[in-house]
Amino acid sequence: MKNKILTAVSTIMIFAPWTILPLRRFDWAVHSPTAEILMLSYAAFMIFSGIFTIAAYAAGNVRNTLMKVCLIINVMYAVAAVCLLFMGNFSGLSAIKFTNLPV
């Protein structure tokens, strides 16, 4: 039962970061400071998802096929989130510059 719950949580965490796309269509979501807070929140969630899935796979001994797919995707999300945070903090980029992208 524990394996199924951990697998279900990890699977749901795959789709949660994609909810940013409909949110970014609203005017309030593309202006600072809301855009910065939104992007940082999603990045933090993606990093948490990667850590949670690694912990469930390694420490929880959940080794089914779906969990392996979740592990790969969530770790890729976590690495991308860390890279985006690194770029935003150390190269002069900020979430404000991302607001000029077409919605």
C-alpha atoms as a PDB file:
ATOM      1  CA  MET A   1       0.000   0.000   0.000  1.00  0.00           C
ATOM      2  CA  LYS A   2       2.849   2.368   0.845  1.00  0.00           C
ATOM      3  CA  ASN A   3       4.392   1.730  -2.566  1.00  0.00           C
ATOM      4  CA  LYS A   4       1.171   2.666  -4.351  1.00  0.00           C
ATOM      5  CA  ILE A   5       0.758   5.883  -2.357  1.00  0.00           C
ATOM      6  CA  LEU A   6       4.349   7.010  -2.956  1.00  0.00           C
ATOM      7  CA  THR A   7       4.034   6.179  -6.648  1.00  0.00           C
ATOM      8  CA  ALA A   8       0.750   8.105  -6.911  1.00  0.00           C
ATOM      9  CA  VAL A   9       2.212  11.172  -5.185  1.00  0.00           C
ATOM     10  CA  SER A  10       5.273  11.114  -7.435  1.00  0.00           C
ATOM     11  CA  THR A  11       3.062  10.744 -10.510  1.00  0.00           C
ATOM     12  CA  ILE A  12       0.907  13.719  -9.528  1.00  0.00           C
ATOM     13  CA  MET A  13       4.062  15.753  -8.943  1.00  0.00           C
ATOM     14  CA  ILE A  14       4.990  15.244 -12.595  1.00  0.00           C
ATOM     15  CA  PHE A  15       1.983  17.200 -13.831  1.00  0.00           C
ATOM     16  CA  ALA A  16       1.868  19.970 -11.198  1.00  0.00           C
ATOM     17  CA  PRO A  17       4.617  22.172 -12.752  1.00  0.00           C
ATOM     18  CA  TRP A  18       2.634  22.362 -16.003  1.00  0.00           C
ATOM     19  CA  THR A  19      -0.100  24.322 -14.223  1.00  0.00           C
ATOM     20  CA  ILE A  20       2.077  27.420 -14.559  1.00  0.00           C
ATOM     21  CA  LEU A  21       1.144  27.696 -18.233  1.00  0.00           C
ATOM     22  CA  PRO A  22      -2.545  28.563 -17.680  1.00  0.00           C
ATOM     23  CA  LEU A  23      -1.639  30.807 -14.748  1.00  0.00           C
ATOM     24  CA  ARG A  24       0.751  32.886 -16.848  1.00  0.00           C
ATOM     25  CA  ARG A  25      -2.126  33.952 -19.120  1.00  0.00           C
ATOM     26  CA  PHE A  26      -3.478  36.282 -16.444  1.00  0.00           C
ATOM     27  CA  ASP A  27      -2.186  39.848 -16.338  1.00  0.00           C
ATOM     28  CA  TRP A  28      -1.404  39.713 -12.633  1.00  0.00           C
ATOM     29  CA  ALA A  29       0.877  36.691 -13.149  1.00  0.00           C
ATOM     30  CA  VAL A  30       3.301  38.429 -15.499  1.00  0.00           C
ATOM     31  CA  HIS A  31       4.049  41.531 -13.457  1.00  0.00           C
ATOM     32  CA  SER A  32       6.648  41.889 -10.741  1.00  0.00           C
ATOM     33  CA  PRO A  33       6.673  40.874  -7.872  1.00  0.00           C
ATOM     34  CA  THR A  34       3.971  38.306  -8.574  1.00  0.00           C
ATOM     35  CA  ALA A  35       5.922  36.769 -11.463  1.00  0.00           C
ATOM     36  CA  GLU A  36       9.021  36.362  -9.307  1.00  0.00           C
ATOM     37  CA  ILE A  37       7.089  34.782  -6.457  1.00  0.00           C
ATOM     38  CA  LEU A  38       5.261  32.460  -8.853  1.00  0.00           C
ATOM     39  CA  MET A  39       8.450  31.282 -10.552  1.00  0.00           C
ATOM     40  CA  LEU A  40      10.307  30.803  -7.268  1.00  0.00           C
ATOM     41  CA  SER A  41       7.377  28.830  -5.857  1.00  0.00           C
ATOM     42  CA  TYR A  42       7.245  26.537  -8.867  1.00  0.00           C
ATOM     43  CA  ALA A  43      11.030  26.078  -8.791  1.00  0.00           C
ATOM     44  CA  ALA A  44      10.901  25.186  -5.093  1.00  0.00           C
ATOM     45  CA  PHE A  45       8.116  22.688  -5.758  1.00  0.00           C
ATOM     46  CA  MET A  46      10.068  21.103  -8.604  1.00  0.00           C
ATOM     47  CA  ILE A  47      13.154  20.731  -6.408  1.00  0.00           C
ATOM     48  CA  PHE A  48      11.029  19.242  -3.624  1.00  0.00           C
ATOM     49  CA  SER A  49       9.446  16.830  -6.121  1.00  0.00           C
ATOM     50  CA  GLY A  50      12.848  15.607  -7.222  1.00  0.00           C
ATOM     51  CA  ILE A  51      14.072  15.125  -3.652  1.00  0.00           C
ATOM     52  CA  PHE A  52      10.833  13.392  -2.638  1.00  0.00           C
ATOM     53  CA  THR A  53      10.979  10.998  -5.571  1.00  0.00           C
ATOM     54  CA  ILE A  54      14.649  10.174  -4.945  1.00  0.00           C
ATOM     55  CA  ALA A  55      13.870   9.514  -1.276  1.00  0.00           C
ATOM     56  CA  ALA A  56      10.853   7.356  -2.112  1.00  0.00           C
ATOM     57  CA  TYR A  57      12.831   5.376  -4.660  1.00  0.00           C
ATOM     58  CA  ALA A  58      15.960   4.907  -2.561  1.00  0.00           C
ATOM     59  CA  ALA A  59      14.832   4.839   1.068  1.00  0.00           C
ATOM     60  CA  GLY A  60      11.267   3.684   0.481  1.00  0.00           C
ATOM     61  CA  ASN A  61      12.342   0.848  -1.815  1.00  0.00           C
ATOM     62  CA  VAL A  62       9.644   1.674  -4.350  1.00  0.00           C
ATOM     63  CA  ARG A  63      11.108   0.135  -7.493  1.00  0.00           C
ATOM     64  CA  ASN A  64       8.228  -0.320  -9.925  1.00  0.00           C
ATOM     65  CA  THR A  65       8.348   0.841 -13.553  1.00  0.00           C
ATOM     66  CA  LEU A  66       6.114   3.873 -13.057  1.00  0.00           C
ATOM     67  CA  MET A  67       8.281   5.042 -10.169  1.00  0.00           C
ATOM     68  CA  LYS A  68      11.383   4.762 -12.353  1.00  0.00           C
ATOM     69  CA  VAL A  69       9.737   6.997 -14.958  1.00  0.00           C
ATOM     70  CA  CYS A  70       8.680   9.439 -12.219  1.00  0.00           C
ATOM     71  CA  LEU A  71      12.227   9.435 -10.884  1.00  0.00           C
ATOM     72  CA  ILE A  72      13.721  10.380 -14.229  1.00  0.00           C
ATOM     73  CA  ILE A  73      11.192  13.128 -14.968  1.00  0.00           C
ATOM     74  CA  ASN A  74      11.172  14.659 -11.479  1.00  0.00           C
ATOM     75  CA  VAL A  75      14.964  14.695 -11.274  1.00  0.00           C
ATOM     76  CA  MET A  76      15.072  16.424 -14.671  1.00  0.00           C
ATOM     77  CA  TYR A  77      12.571  18.995 -13.342  1.00  0.00           C
ATOM     78  CA  ALA A  78      14.681  19.514 -10.218  1.00  0.00           C
ATOM     79  CA  VAL A  79      17.884  20.010 -12.213  1.00  0.00           C
ATOM     80  CA  ALA A  80      16.127  22.480 -14.515  1.00  0.00           C
ATOM     81  CA  ALA A  81      14.759  24.402 -11.514  1.00  0.00           C
ATOM     82  CA  VAL A  82      18.190  24.604  -9.902  1.00  0.00           C
ATOM     83  CA  CYS A  83      19.674  25.824 -13.201  1.00  0.00           C
ATOM     84  CA  LEU A  84      16.977  28.492 -13.550  1.00  0.00           C
ATOM     85  CA  LEU A  85      17.524  29.659  -9.972  1.00  0.00           C
ATOM     86  CA  PHE A  86      21.263  29.753 -10.578  1.00  0.00           C
ATOM     87  CA  MET A  87      20.832  31.781 -13.778  1.00  0.00           C
ATOM     88  CA  GLY A  88      18.437  34.171 -12.098  1.00  0.00           C
ATOM     89  CA  ASN A  89      20.649  34.817  -9.097  1.00  0.00           C
ATOM     90  CA  PHE A  90      24.128  34.882 -10.561  1.00  0.00           C
ATOM     91  CA  SER A  91      23.956  36.083 -14.138  1.00  0.00           C
ATOM     92  CA  GLY A  92      21.921  39.230 -13.676  1.00  0.00           C
ATOM     93  CA  LEU A  93      18.708  37.703 -14.969  1.00  0.00           C
ATOM     94  CA  SER A  94      15.568  38.014 -12.956  1.00  0.00           C
ATOM     95  CA  ALA A  95      12.003  36.851 -13.259  1.00  0.00           C
ATOM     96  CA  ILE A  96      11.091  40.347 -14.444  1.00  0.00           C
ATOM     97  CA  LYS A  97      12.842  39.738 -17.774  1.00  0.00           C
ATOM     98  CA  PHE A  98      10.785  36.588 -18.321  1.00  0.00           C
ATOM     99  CA  THR A  99       7.599  38.668 -18.304  1.00  0.00           C
ATOM    100  CA  ASN A 100       8.375  40.008 -21.793  1.00  0.00           C
ATOM    101  CA  LEU A 101       7.852  36.579 -23.311  1.00  0.00           C
ATOM    102  CA  PRO A 102       4.685  36.237 -25.386  1.00  0.00           C
ATOM    103  CA  VAL A 103       1.884  34.556 -23.514  1.00  0.00           C
END
